[in-house]
Amino acid sequence: MRIAVIGAGAVGGLVAALAARAGHEVLVTARGEHADAIARAGLRVDGGWGEWVAAVELVRSIPNDRVDLIVLATKAHDSAEALAPWAAHDGTPVLVLQNGLGGEDAVRDALPHSPVAIGLALFAVSLTGPGHITVTGPNGLTLGGDPAAVAVAEPLLLAALPAKLVLAADIRGAQWTKLLINQVNALPAITGLSVQQTIADPAILSVLARGMVETVAVGDAAGVAWGRIGAVDADAVARVREGGAAAAAELAQHLAAGMGEVPNPASMLQSIRRGRTTEVDAINGAIVDYGTSLGIPTPVNAALVDLVRTVQKGVPHLTAAEALSRLPAA
C-alpha cells in the first residue's frame, strides 16, 4: 500500500514507522526540526516495540499520483488546515488518529467523498527528539467508522501493529470513553508533571476525578452508548456514574498503574514543551461545549481549559498548590 501520514508527530510518526517496517510505501508530513531529521535520516523508534529506523518519504508538496490511505494524525484543531492541500485526493479513504472530537468532521468537510475510519490509540508514545519516537506504553488500538475505510485500514494495522487491534461497532461510544480516559491529559500540561505524578497527588487526583464525573454526566445526557477502550468499558463508566468522584479516582489510579513506571507526559504536555497549541479544546473543551448545550454544569473542565490555554501561551507551569488554588473546590 501507499500511505500518506499527515502529521508524523508521536502517534502519526509511530504508525508511519510501523507501516514502513511492514513493507508499505509511506509518505509523511512534518514540521521544523522534526521534518529535517526525518528527511535526513528517517524515523528512529525505540522503547516497548523494539528499535529500528524507518525509511519514510518526507513530502513537502502534495503528490499528484495514487495514495491508498490517508492517515490524519495532526492535533484536531489543525485538521482543516492540514487537509486543505489534499483536495485532489477526495475519495481516498482516511484514517483519523487523534484525541478528542472533530477530526472526522473536518475530513468530511475537506474530502466529502472520502470514507472515514477512526482509530483510538491506547499506546503511549513520546516524540523524544527530532526524528526520534519512544514507545512508553505498548498497548493496542480501537478502530471503527465507515466500513469502506475500515476495510483498507484494518489489514494494514493488523499487520503493522505489535498489539491488539479491536474493531468497535459503535465508534462514537468508544470515542467518548477515550474522552473520559483523556481527562488525565490536562493536569500534566498545567503542572509539568507526568500523568503518574498527578494521579499520585491526592489533591490533584480529586480534581481529575471530578472532571471525569462531569464527562460521564455530559456523555449520558448526550445519549452516548459507552464503548470499551482497553480495560475501560460501560461497566467502568457505570461505576463512575454511581460512585461519583471516589469511583472516578479509582479508575484514574487504575489507568496510571497500566502506564507502567516510565513517566507518561501525555500529549498536551508534549505540545507545551514543543511550543505548540494543545488539543485541550477538542478534549476538555468538547465536554464544556456539550455540557453547555445540554444544560450540564462542567466547572472543572472549563477551569482546566482556561489553565491549559494560559500555560500554552508561555506562562510557566503552575505548582500543584497554584493549580489547586485556581481550580473549583469540591
C-alpha atoms as a PDB file:
ATOM      1  CA  MET A   1       0.000   0.000   0.000  1.00  0.00           C
ATOM      2  CA  ARG A   2       0.964   3.607  -0.474  1.00  0.00           C
ATOM      3  CA  ILE A   3       0.113   5.546   2.681  1.00  0.00           C
ATOM      4  CA  ALA A   4       0.262   9.261   3.419  1.00  0.00           C
ATOM      5  CA  VAL A   5       0.531  10.249   7.086  1.00  0.00           C
ATOM      6  CA  ILE A   6      -0.454  13.873   7.637  1.00  0.00           C
ATOM      7  CA  GLY A   7       1.240  14.920  10.854  1.00  0.00           C
ATOM      8  CA  ALA A   8       4.030  12.464  11.637  1.00  0.00           C
ATOM      9  CA  GLY A   9       4.461  13.508  15.258  1.00  0.00           C
ATOM     10  CA  ALA A  10       4.410  10.990  18.091  1.00  0.00           C
ATOM     11  CA  VAL A  11       1.322   8.935  17.172  1.00  0.00           C
ATOM     12  CA  GLY A  12       1.391   9.589  13.430  1.00  0.00           C
ATOM     13  CA  GLY A  13       5.121   9.044  13.257  1.00  0.00           C
ATOM     14  CA  LEU A  14       4.859   5.729  15.072  1.00  0.00           C
ATOM     15  CA  VAL A  15       2.126   4.487  12.733  1.00  0.00           C
ATOM     16  CA  ALA A  16       4.206   5.631   9.752  1.00  0.00           C
ATOM     17  CA  ALA A  17       7.264   3.796  11.084  1.00  0.00           C
ATOM     18  CA  LEU A  18       5.262   0.631  11.786  1.00  0.00           C
ATOM     19  CA  ALA A  19       3.743   0.695   8.296  1.00  0.00           C
ATOM     20  CA  ALA A  20       7.142   1.184   6.713  1.00  0.00           C
ATOM     21  CA  ARG A  21       8.560  -1.697   8.763  1.00  0.00           C
ATOM     22  CA  ALA A  22       5.691  -3.854   7.465  1.00  0.00           C
ATOM     23  CA  GLY A  23       6.781  -3.142   3.896  1.00  0.00           C
ATOM     24  CA  HIS A  24       4.456  -0.341   2.827  1.00  0.00           C
ATOM     25  CA  GLU A  25       5.457   2.820   0.971  1.00  0.00           C
ATOM     26  CA  VAL A  26       4.950   5.665   3.439  1.00  0.00           C
ATOM     27  CA  LEU A  27       4.797   9.403   2.779  1.00  0.00           C
ATOM     28  CA  VAL A  28       4.766  11.762   5.759  1.00  0.00           C
ATOM     29  CA  THR A  29       4.301  15.438   6.503  1.00  0.00           C
ATOM     30  CA  ALA A  30       6.030  17.078   9.449  1.00  0.00           C
ATOM     31  CA  ARG A  31       7.328  20.470  10.550  1.00  0.00           C
ATOM     32  CA  GLY A  32      10.516  22.171  11.688  1.00  0.00           C
ATOM     33  CA  GLU A  33      13.487  20.258  13.076  1.00  0.00           C
ATOM     34  CA  HIS A  34      11.451  17.076  13.191  1.00  0.00           C
ATOM     35  CA  ALA A  35      10.852  17.277   9.439  1.00  0.00           C
ATOM     36  CA  ASP A  36      14.526  17.999   8.779  1.00  0.00           C
ATOM     37  CA  ALA A  37      15.580  14.977  10.842  1.00  0.00           C
ATOM     38  CA  ILE A  38      13.136  12.698   9.009  1.00  0.00           C
ATOM     39  CA  ALA A  39      14.387  13.917   5.629  1.00  0.00           C
ATOM     40  CA  ARG A  40      17.982  13.359   6.708  1.00  0.00           C
ATOM     41  CA  ALA A  41      17.834  10.029   8.499  1.00  0.00           C
ATOM     42  CA  GLY A  42      14.282   8.630   8.622  1.00  0.00           C
ATOM     43  CA  LEU A  43      12.226   7.949  11.739  1.00  0.00           C
ATOM     44  CA  ARG A  44      14.039   6.361  14.670  1.00  0.00           C
ATOM     45  CA  VAL A  45      11.836   4.339  17.022  1.00  0.00           C
ATOM     46  CA  ASP A  46      12.742   2.730  20.341  1.00  0.00           C
ATOM     47  CA  GLY A  47      11.031   1.623  23.525  1.00  0.00           C
ATOM     48  CA  GLY A  48       8.372  -1.005  24.055  1.00  0.00           C
ATOM     49  CA  TRP A  49       8.224  -2.311  20.476  1.00  0.00           C
ATOM     50  CA  GLY A  50      11.931  -2.566  19.762  1.00  0.00           C
ATOM     51  CA  GLU A  51      14.382  -0.330  17.974  1.00  0.00           C
ATOM     52  CA  TRP A  52      14.519   0.407  14.274  1.00  0.00           C
ATOM     53  CA  VAL A  53      14.904   3.226  11.772  1.00  0.00           C
ATOM     54  CA  ALA A  54      12.039   3.546   9.300  1.00  0.00           C
ATOM     55  CA  ALA A  55      12.700   4.797   5.802  1.00  0.00           C
ATOM     56  CA  VAL A  56       9.797   7.123   5.024  1.00  0.00           C
ATOM     57  CA  GLU A  57       9.494   9.871   2.435  1.00  0.00           C
ATOM     58  CA  LEU A  58       9.014  13.389   3.730  1.00  0.00           C
ATOM     59  CA  VAL A  59       6.687  15.225   1.351  1.00  0.00           C
ATOM     60  CA  ARG A  60       6.883  18.999   1.180  1.00  0.00           C
ATOM     61  CA  SER A  61       4.319  19.191  -1.629  1.00  0.00           C
ATOM     62  CA  ILE A  62       1.209  17.087  -2.141  1.00  0.00           C
ATOM     63  CA  PRO A  63       1.663  14.101  -4.505  1.00  0.00           C
ATOM     64  CA  ASN A  64      -0.480  14.046  -7.633  1.00  0.00           C
ATOM     65  CA  ASP A  65      -0.436  10.268  -8.034  1.00  0.00           C
ATOM     66  CA  ARG A  66      -2.270   7.497  -6.201  1.00  0.00           C
ATOM     67  CA  VAL A  67      -2.462   7.190  -2.429  1.00  0.00           C
ATOM     68  CA  ASP A  68      -4.298   4.169  -0.960  1.00  0.00           C
ATOM     69  CA  LEU A  69      -4.870   5.543   2.541  1.00  0.00           C
ATOM     70  CA  ILE A  70      -4.517   8.936   4.195  1.00  0.00           C
ATOM     71  CA  VAL A  71      -3.789   8.933   7.935  1.00  0.00           C
ATOM     72  CA  LEU A  72      -4.742  12.195   9.648  1.00  0.00           C
ATOM     73  CA  ALA A  73      -2.667  12.427  12.833  1.00  0.00           C
ATOM     74  CA  THR A  74      -2.409  16.168  13.432  1.00  0.00           C
ATOM     75  CA  LYS A  75      -3.970  17.733  16.506  1.00  0.00           C
ATOM     76  CA  ALA A  76      -7.725  18.054  15.976  1.00  0.00           C
ATOM     77  CA  HIS A  77      -7.599  21.852  15.750  1.00  0.00           C
ATOM     78  CA  ASP A  78      -5.078  21.641  12.879  1.00  0.00           C
ATOM     79  CA  SER A  79      -7.200  19.257  10.789  1.00  0.00           C
ATOM     80  CA  ALA A  80      -8.850  21.701   8.389  1.00  0.00           C
ATOM     81  CA  GLU A  81      -5.614  23.496   7.508  1.00  0.00           C
ATOM     82  CA  ALA A  82      -3.695  20.231   7.135  1.00  0.00           C
ATOM     83  CA  LEU A  83      -6.324  18.662   4.877  1.00  0.00           C
ATOM     84  CA  ALA A  84      -6.907  21.618   2.565  1.00  0.00           C
ATOM     85  CA  PRO A  85      -3.954  20.883   0.233  1.00  0.00           C
ATOM     86  CA  TRP A  86      -5.149  17.285  -0.228  1.00  0.00           C
ATOM     87  CA  ALA A  87      -8.367  18.186  -2.073  1.00  0.00           C
ATOM     88  CA  ALA A  88      -7.229  16.332  -5.192  1.00  0.00           C
ATOM     89  CA  HIS A  89      -7.323  13.108  -3.150  1.00  0.00           C
ATOM     90  CA  ASP A  90     -11.014  13.423  -2.335  1.00  0.00           C
ATOM     91  CA  GLY A  91     -12.354   9.891  -2.380  1.00  0.00           C
ATOM     92  CA  THR A  92      -9.250   8.307  -0.824  1.00  0.00           C
ATOM     93  CA  PRO A  93     -10.063   6.538   2.457  1.00  0.00           C
ATOM     94  CA  VAL A  94      -8.950   8.436   5.556  1.00  0.00           C
ATOM     95  CA  LEU A  95      -7.991   7.088   8.977  1.00  0.00           C
ATOM     96  CA  VAL A  96      -8.289   9.730  11.713  1.00  0.00           C
ATOM     97  CA  LEU A  97      -5.857   9.140  14.598  1.00  0.00           C
ATOM     98  CA  GLN A  98      -6.490  11.953  17.060  1.00  0.00           C
ATOM     99  CA  ASN A  99      -7.521  12.681  20.606  1.00  0.00           C
ATOM    100  CA  GLY A 100     -10.807  14.460  21.164  1.00  0.00           C
ATOM    101  CA  LEU A 101     -13.658  15.181  18.824  1.00  0.00           C
ATOM    102  CA  GLY A 102     -13.920  16.981  15.495  1.00  0.00           C
ATOM    103  CA  GLY A 103     -11.308  15.419  13.227  1.00  0.00           C
ATOM    104  CA  GLU A 104     -13.765  13.288  11.298  1.00  0.00           C
ATOM    105  CA  ASP A 105     -15.997  16.316  10.682  1.00  0.00           C
ATOM    106  CA  ALA A 106     -13.005  18.179   9.245  1.00  0.00           C
ATOM    107  CA  VAL A 107     -12.339  15.292   6.874  1.00  0.00           C
ATOM    108  CA  ARG A 108     -15.941  15.256   5.696  1.00  0.00           C
ATOM    109  CA  ASP A 109     -15.766  18.990   5.029  1.00  0.00           C
ATOM    110  CA  ALA A 110     -12.451  18.873   3.168  1.00  0.00           C
ATOM    111  CA  LEU A 111     -12.813  15.496   1.420  1.00  0.00           C
ATOM    112  CA  PRO A 112     -16.555  14.885   1.172  1.00  0.00           C
ATOM    113  CA  HIS A 113     -16.224  11.747  -0.955  1.00  0.00           C
ATOM    114  CA  SER A 114     -13.658  10.039   1.293  1.00  0.00           C
ATOM    115  CA  PRO A 115     -14.843   7.294   3.646  1.00  0.00           C
ATOM    116  CA  VAL A 116     -13.602   7.942   7.184  1.00  0.00           C
ATOM    117  CA  ALA A 117     -12.325   5.460   9.752  1.00  0.00           C
ATOM    118  CA  ILE A 118     -11.454   6.494  13.298  1.00  0.00           C
ATOM    119  CA  GLY A 119      -8.581   4.998  15.271  1.00  0.00           C
ATOM    120  CA  LEU A 120      -8.330   5.416  19.028  1.00  0.00           C
ATOM    121  CA  ALA A 121      -4.774   4.737  20.134  1.00  0.00           C
ATOM    122  CA  LEU A 122      -4.131   3.372  23.605  1.00  0.00           C
ATOM    123  CA  PHE A 123      -0.391   3.090  23.146  1.00  0.00           C
ATOM    124  CA  ALA A 124       1.651   5.772  24.888  1.00  0.00           C
ATOM    125  CA  VAL A 125       4.331   7.323  22.737  1.00  0.00           C
ATOM    126  CA  SER A 126       6.552  10.396  23.007  1.00  0.00           C
ATOM    127  CA  LEU A 127       8.427  12.492  20.491  1.00  0.00           C
ATOM    128  CA  THR A 128      11.709  12.476  22.409  1.00  0.00           C
ATOM    129  CA  GLY A 129      13.677  14.464  19.867  1.00  0.00           C
ATOM    130  CA  PRO A 130      13.662  15.449  16.201  1.00  0.00           C
ATOM    131  CA  GLY A 131      13.041  12.285  14.213  1.00  0.00           C
ATOM    132  CA  HIS A 132      13.008  10.190  17.395  1.00  0.00           C
ATOM    133  CA  ILE A 133       9.943   8.414  18.795  1.00  0.00           C
ATOM    134  CA  THR A 134       9.814   6.354  22.000  1.00  0.00           C
ATOM    135  CA  VAL A 135       7.059   3.863  22.824  1.00  0.00           C
ATOM    136  CA  THR A 136       6.446   4.028  26.578  1.00  0.00           C
ATOM    137  CA  GLY A 137       3.148   2.126  26.709  1.00  0.00           C
ATOM    138  CA  PRO A 138       2.913  -0.697  24.140  1.00  0.00           C
ATOM    139  CA  ASN A 139      -0.869  -1.003  24.091  1.00  0.00           C
ATOM    140  CA  GLY A 140      -3.446  -1.540  21.355  1.00  0.00           C
ATOM    141  CA  LEU A 141      -5.798   0.464  19.172  1.00  0.00           C
ATOM    142  CA  THR A 142      -9.556   0.546  18.598  1.00  0.00           C
ATOM    143  CA  LEU A 143     -10.841   1.035  15.052  1.00  0.00           C
ATOM    144  CA  GLY A 144     -14.271   1.846  13.657  1.00  0.00           C
ATOM    145  CA  GLY A 145     -16.207   4.098  11.315  1.00  0.00           C
ATOM    146  CA  ASP A 146     -17.137   3.835   7.644  1.00  0.00           C
ATOM    147  CA  PRO A 147     -16.788   0.174   6.561  1.00  0.00           C
ATOM    148  CA  ALA A 148     -15.113   1.193   3.296  1.00  0.00           C
ATOM    149  CA  ALA A 149     -12.319   2.974   5.177  1.00  0.00           C
ATOM    150  CA  VAL A 150     -12.090   0.293   7.872  1.00  0.00           C
ATOM    151  CA  ALA A 151     -11.647  -2.326   5.133  1.00  0.00           C
ATOM    152  CA  VAL A 152      -8.491  -0.510   3.975  1.00  0.00           C
ATOM    153  CA  ALA A 153      -7.087   0.407   7.408  1.00  0.00           C
ATOM    154  CA  GLU A 154      -7.756  -2.884   9.207  1.00  0.00           C
ATOM    155  CA  PRO A 155      -5.336  -5.169   7.305  1.00  0.00           C
ATOM    156  CA  LEU A 156      -2.630  -2.502   7.479  1.00  0.00           C
ATOM    157  CA  LEU A 157      -2.970  -2.164  11.257  1.00  0.00           C
ATOM    158  CA  LEU A 158      -3.281  -5.902  11.833  1.00  0.00           C
ATOM    159  CA  ALA A 159      -0.003  -6.493  10.019  1.00  0.00           C
ATOM    160  CA  ALA A 160       1.898  -3.500  11.376  1.00  0.00           C
ATOM    161  CA  LEU A 161       0.715  -3.032  14.965  1.00  0.00           C
ATOM    162  CA  PRO A 162       2.508  -5.244  17.526  1.00  0.00           C
ATOM    163  CA  ALA A 163      -0.526  -5.088  19.838  1.00  0.00           C
ATOM    164  CA  LYS A 164      -4.204  -5.903  19.844  1.00  0.00           C
ATOM    165  CA  LEU A 165      -6.487  -4.264  17.271  1.00  0.00           C
ATOM    166  CA  VAL A 166     -10.119  -4.050  18.385  1.00  0.00           C
ATOM    167  CA  LEU A 167     -12.991  -3.313  15.997  1.00  0.00           C
ATOM    168  CA  ALA A 168     -15.747  -1.151  17.502  1.00  0.00           C
ATOM    169  CA  ALA A 169     -19.284  -1.471  16.229  1.00  0.00           C
ATOM    170  CA  ASP A 170     -20.121   1.946  17.721  1.00  0.00           C
ATOM    171  CA  ILE A 171     -17.069   4.151  17.343  1.00  0.00           C
ATOM    172  CA  ARG A 172     -18.875   7.162  18.828  1.00  0.00           C
ATOM    173  CA  GLY A 173     -19.313   5.337  22.117  1.00  0.00           C
ATOM    174  CA  ALA A 174     -15.648   4.356  22.055  1.00  0.00           C
ATOM    175  CA  GLN A 175     -14.646   7.967  21.346  1.00  0.00           C
ATOM    176  CA  TRP A 176     -16.493   9.144  24.428  1.00  0.00           C
ATOM    177  CA  THR A 177     -14.817   6.516  26.563  1.00  0.00           C
ATOM    178  CA  LYS A 178     -11.492   7.777  25.203  1.00  0.00           C
ATOM    179  CA  LEU A 179     -12.577  11.313  26.173  1.00  0.00           C
ATOM    180  CA  LEU A 180     -13.097  10.007  29.698  1.00  0.00           C
ATOM    181  CA  ILE A 181      -9.626   8.431  29.708  1.00  0.00           C
ATOM    182  CA  ASN A 182      -8.137  11.633  28.285  1.00  0.00           C
ATOM    183  CA  GLN A 183      -9.191  13.527  31.384  1.00  0.00           C
ATOM    184  CA  VAL A 184      -5.687  12.551  32.578  1.00  0.00           C
ATOM    185  CA  ASN A 185      -4.224  14.848  29.896  1.00  0.00           C
ATOM    186  CA  ALA A 186      -4.803  18.434  31.028  1.00  0.00           C
ATOM    187  CA  LEU A 187      -3.276  18.446  34.510  1.00  0.00           C
ATOM    188  CA  PRO A 188       0.198  17.368  33.314  1.00  0.00           C
ATOM    189  CA  ALA A 189       0.100  20.244  30.792  1.00  0.00           C
ATOM    190  CA  ILE A 190      -0.725  22.665  33.602  1.00  0.00           C
ATOM    191  CA  THR A 191       1.784  21.385  36.168  1.00  0.00           C
ATOM    192  CA  GLY A 192       4.573  19.929  34.038  1.00  0.00           C
ATOM    193  CA  LEU A 193       4.227  16.646  35.924  1.00  0.00           C
ATOM    194  CA  SER A 194       3.714  13.223  34.406  1.00  0.00           C
ATOM    195  CA  VAL A 195       0.328  11.525  34.405  1.00  0.00           C
ATOM    196  CA  GLN A 196       1.551   9.166  37.107  1.00  0.00           C
ATOM    197  CA  GLN A 197       2.733  12.049  39.312  1.00  0.00           C
ATOM    198  CA  THR A 198      -0.540  13.956  39.048  1.00  0.00           C
ATOM    199  CA  ILE A 199      -2.578  10.887  39.911  1.00  0.00           C
ATOM    200  CA  ALA A 200      -0.293  10.110  42.865  1.00  0.00           C
ATOM    201  CA  ASP A 201      -1.115  13.522  44.406  1.00  0.00           C
ATOM    202  CA  PRO A 202      -4.413  13.096  46.321  1.00  0.00           C
ATOM    203  CA  ALA A 203      -5.471  16.727  45.904  1.00  0.00           C
ATOM    204  CA  ILE A 204      -4.816  16.797  42.157  1.00  0.00           C
ATOM    205  CA  LEU A 205      -6.428  13.384  41.805  1.00  0.00           C
ATOM    206  CA  SER A 206      -9.560  14.815  43.409  1.00  0.00           C
ATOM    207  CA  VAL A 207      -9.793  17.460  40.665  1.00  0.00           C
ATOM    208  CA  LEU A 208      -9.189  14.896  37.945  1.00  0.00           C
ATOM    209  CA  ALA A 209     -11.888  12.657  39.386  1.00  0.00           C
ATOM    210  CA  ARG A 210     -14.459  15.444  39.394  1.00  0.00           C
ATOM    211  CA  GLY A 211     -13.633  16.204  35.762  1.00  0.00           C
ATOM    212  CA  MET A 212     -14.274  12.556  34.948  1.00  0.00           C
ATOM    213  CA  VAL A 213     -17.642  12.676  36.744  1.00  0.00           C
ATOM    214  CA  GLU A 214     -18.581  15.707  34.619  1.00  0.00           C
ATOM    215  CA  THR A 215     -17.591  13.827  31.470  1.00  0.00           C
ATOM    216  CA  VAL A 216     -19.818  10.879  32.315  1.00  0.00           C
ATOM    217  CA  ALA A 217     -22.750  13.175  33.114  1.00  0.00           C
ATOM    218  CA  VAL A 218     -22.386  15.012  29.809  1.00  0.00           C
ATOM    219  CA  GLY A 219     -21.986  11.823  27.793  1.00  0.00           C
ATOM    220  CA  ASP A 220     -25.070  10.333  29.427  1.00  0.00           C
ATOM    221  CA  ALA A 221     -27.080  13.461  28.630  1.00  0.00           C
ATOM    222  CA  ALA A 222     -25.854  13.251  25.027  1.00  0.00           C
ATOM    223  CA  GLY A 223     -27.198   9.704  24.775  1.00  0.00           C
ATOM    224  CA  VAL A 224     -23.777   8.054  24.447  1.00  0.00           C
ATOM    225  CA  ALA A 225     -23.661   4.255  24.390  1.00  0.00           C
ATOM    226  CA  TRP A 226     -20.300   3.972  26.158  1.00  0.00           C
ATOM    227  CA  GLY A 227     -17.909   1.612  24.372  1.00  0.00           C
ATOM    228  CA  ARG A 228     -14.882  -0.325  25.517  1.00  0.00           C
ATOM    229  CA  ILE A 229     -11.428   1.181  25.233  1.00  0.00           C
ATOM    230  CA  GLY A 230      -8.801  -1.137  26.664  1.00  0.00           C
ATOM    231  CA  ALA A 231      -9.877  -2.030  30.193  1.00  0.00           C
ATOM    232  CA  VAL A 232     -12.426   0.804  30.397  1.00  0.00           C
ATOM    233  CA  ASP A 233     -15.913  -0.289  29.396  1.00  0.00           C
ATOM    234  CA  ALA A 234     -19.556   0.568  30.089  1.00  0.00           C
ATOM    235  CA  ASP A 235     -19.342  -1.136  33.496  1.00  0.00           C
ATOM    236  CA  ALA A 236     -16.409   1.084  34.482  1.00  0.00           C
ATOM    237  CA  VAL A 237     -18.379   4.126  33.362  1.00  0.00           C
ATOM    238  CA  ALA A 238     -21.369   2.898  35.373  1.00  0.00           C
ATOM    239  CA  ARG A 239     -19.192   2.704  38.486  1.00  0.00           C
ATOM    240  CA  VAL A 240     -18.236   6.367  37.996  1.00  0.00           C
ATOM    241  CA  ARG A 241     -21.870   7.277  37.413  1.00  0.00           C
ATOM    242  CA  GLU A 242     -22.948   5.529  40.603  1.00  0.00           C
ATOM    243  CA  GLY A 243     -19.905   6.102  42.817  1.00  0.00           C
ATOM    244  CA  GLY A 244     -19.007   9.660  41.843  1.00  0.00           C
ATOM    245  CA  ALA A 245     -15.553  11.102  42.465  1.00  0.00           C
ATOM    246  CA  ALA A 246     -14.378   8.194  44.636  1.00  0.00           C
ATOM    247  CA  ALA A 247     -15.038   5.691  41.852  1.00  0.00           C
ATOM    248  CA  ALA A 248     -13.506   8.040  39.281  1.00  0.00           C
ATOM    249  CA  ALA A 249     -10.350   8.327  41.399  1.00  0.00           C
ATOM    250  CA  GLU A 250     -10.078   4.534  41.474  1.00  0.00           C
ATOM    251  CA  LEU A 251     -10.415   4.438  37.696  1.00  0.00           C
ATOM    252  CA  ALA A 252      -7.695   7.083  37.290  1.00  0.00           C
ATOM    253  CA  GLN A 253      -5.367   5.125  39.585  1.00  0.00           C
ATOM    254  CA  HIS A 254      -6.032   2.013  37.517  1.00  0.00           C
ATOM    255  CA  LEU A 255      -5.135   3.923  34.343  1.00  0.00           C
ATOM    256  CA  ALA A 256      -1.897   5.199  35.913  1.00  0.00           C
ATOM    257  CA  ALA A 257      -0.940   1.681  37.019  1.00  0.00           C
ATOM    258  CA  GLY A 258      -1.417   0.480  33.456  1.00  0.00           C
ATOM    259  CA  MET A 259       1.077   3.058  32.184  1.00  0.00           C
ATOM    260  CA  GLY A 260       3.976   1.388  33.997  1.00  0.00           C
ATOM    261  CA  GLU A 261       6.959   3.111  35.556  1.00  0.00           C
ATOM    262  CA  VAL A 262       8.106   5.229  32.595  1.00  0.00           C
ATOM    263  CA  PRO A 263       6.789   8.781  33.194  1.00  0.00           C
ATOM    264  CA  ASN A 264       3.983   9.492  30.729  1.00  0.00           C
ATOM    265  CA  PRO A 265       3.844  13.202  29.859  1.00  0.00           C
ATOM    266  CA  ALA A 266       0.570  12.856  27.911  1.00  0.00           C
ATOM    267  CA  SER A 267       0.079  14.595  24.599  1.00  0.00           C
ATOM    268  CA  MET A 268      -0.815  18.068  25.892  1.00  0.00           C
ATOM    269  CA  LEU A 269       2.371  18.386  27.923  1.00  0.00           C
ATOM    270  CA  GLN A 270       4.367  17.225  24.911  1.00  0.00           C
ATOM    271  CA  SER A 271       2.759  20.027  22.887  1.00  0.00           C
ATOM    272  CA  ILE A 272       3.552  22.588  25.596  1.00  0.00           C
ATOM    273  CA  ARG A 273       7.192  21.501  25.650  1.00  0.00           C
ATOM    274  CA  ARG A 274       7.409  21.934  21.888  1.00  0.00           C
ATOM    275  CA  GLY A 275       5.768  25.370  21.953  1.00  0.00           C
ATOM    276  CA  ARG A 276       2.666  24.100  20.165  1.00  0.00           C
ATOM    277  CA  THR A 277      -1.048  24.620  20.740  1.00  0.00           C
ATOM    278  CA  THR A 278      -2.582  21.738  22.675  1.00  0.00           C
ATOM    279  CA  GLU A 279      -5.739  19.764  21.886  1.00  0.00           C
ATOM    280  CA  VAL A 280      -7.465  20.913  25.074  1.00  0.00           C
ATOM    281  CA  ASP A 281     -10.384  22.409  23.133  1.00  0.00           C
ATOM    282  CA  ALA A 282     -11.088  19.069  21.435  1.00  0.00           C
ATOM    283  CA  ILE A 283     -10.980  17.166  24.748  1.00  0.00           C
ATOM    284  CA  ASN A 284     -11.976  19.190  27.819  1.00  0.00           C
ATOM    285  CA  GLY A 285     -13.406  21.946  25.632  1.00  0.00           C
ATOM    286  CA  ALA A 286     -15.667  19.425  23.898  1.00  0.00           C
ATOM    287  CA  ILE A 287     -17.071  18.422  27.301  1.00  0.00           C
ATOM    288  CA  VAL A 288     -17.715  22.081  28.133  1.00  0.00           C
ATOM    289  CA  ASP A 289     -19.413  22.739  24.780  1.00  0.00           C
ATOM    290  CA  TYR A 290     -21.632  19.671  25.022  1.00  0.00           C
ATOM    291  CA  GLY A 291     -22.395  20.452  28.659  1.00  0.00           C
ATOM    292  CA  THR A 292     -23.421  23.996  27.795  1.00  0.00           C
ATOM    293  CA  SER A 293     -25.750  22.824  25.020  1.00  0.00           C
ATOM    294  CA  LEU A 294     -27.297  20.159  27.279  1.00  0.00           C
ATOM    295  CA  GLY A 295     -27.536  22.232  30.457  1.00  0.00           C
ATOM    296  CA  ILE A 296     -24.948  20.132  32.364  1.00  0.00           C
ATOM    297  CA  PRO A 297     -22.502  22.130  34.552  1.00  0.00           C
ATOM    298  CA  THR A 298     -18.818  21.464  33.787  1.00  0.00           C
ATOM    299  CA  PRO A 299     -16.862  23.826  36.078  1.00  0.00           C
ATOM    300  CA  VAL A 300     -13.788  21.598  36.403  1.00  0.00           C
ATOM    301  CA  ASN A 301     -13.407  21.054  32.667  1.00  0.00           C
ATOM    302  CA  ALA A 302     -13.955  24.769  31.996  1.00  0.00           C
ATOM    303  CA  ALA A 303     -11.227  25.677  34.509  1.00  0.00           C
ATOM    304  CA  LEU A 304      -8.843  23.110  33.016  1.00  0.00           C
ATOM    305  CA  VAL A 305      -9.382  24.588  29.547  1.00  0.00           C
ATOM    306  CA  ASP A 306      -8.582  28.076  30.833  1.00  0.00           C
ATOM    307  CA  LEU A 307      -5.431  26.968  32.669  1.00  0.00           C
ATOM    308  CA  VAL A 308      -4.067  24.939  29.744  1.00  0.00           C
ATOM    309  CA  ARG A 309      -4.668  27.881  27.420  1.00  0.00           C
ATOM    310  CA  THR A 310      -2.773  30.094  29.860  1.00  0.00           C
ATOM    311  CA  VAL A 311       0.241  27.783  30.069  1.00  0.00           C
ATOM    312  CA  GLN A 312       0.397  27.233  26.324  1.00  0.00           C
ATOM    313  CA  LYS A 313       0.844  30.990  25.909  1.00  0.00           C
ATOM    314  CA  GLY A 314       4.244  30.639  27.583  1.00  0.00           C
ATOM    315  CA  VAL A 315       3.318  31.130  31.230  1.00  0.00           C
ATOM    316  CA  PRO A 316       5.443  28.833  33.452  1.00  0.00           C
ATOM    317  CA  HIS A 317       3.871  25.633  34.696  1.00  0.00           C
ATOM    318  CA  LEU A 318       1.914  26.007  37.905  1.00  0.00           C
ATOM    319  CA  THR A 319       2.887  24.190  41.055  1.00  0.00           C
ATOM    320  CA  ALA A 320       0.312  21.747  42.338  1.00  0.00           C
ATOM    321  CA  ALA A 321      -0.678  24.247  45.017  1.00  0.00           C
ATOM    322  CA  GLU A 322      -1.015  27.077  42.487  1.00  0.00           C
ATOM    323  CA  ALA A 323      -3.110  24.930  40.184  1.00  0.00           C
ATOM    324  CA  LEU A 324      -5.398  23.822  43.003  1.00  0.00           C
ATOM    325  CA  SER A 325      -5.933  27.414  44.103  1.00  0.00           C
ATOM    326  CA  ARG A 326      -7.264  28.228  40.617  1.00  0.00           C
ATOM    327  CA  LEU A 327      -9.478  25.163  40.220  1.00  0.00           C
ATOM    328  CA  PRO A 328     -13.008  24.775  41.609  1.00  0.00           C
ATOM    329  CA  ALA A 329     -13.187  23.363  45.116  1.00  0.00           C
ATOM    330  CA  ALA A 330     -15.224  20.236  45.729  1.00  0.00           C
END
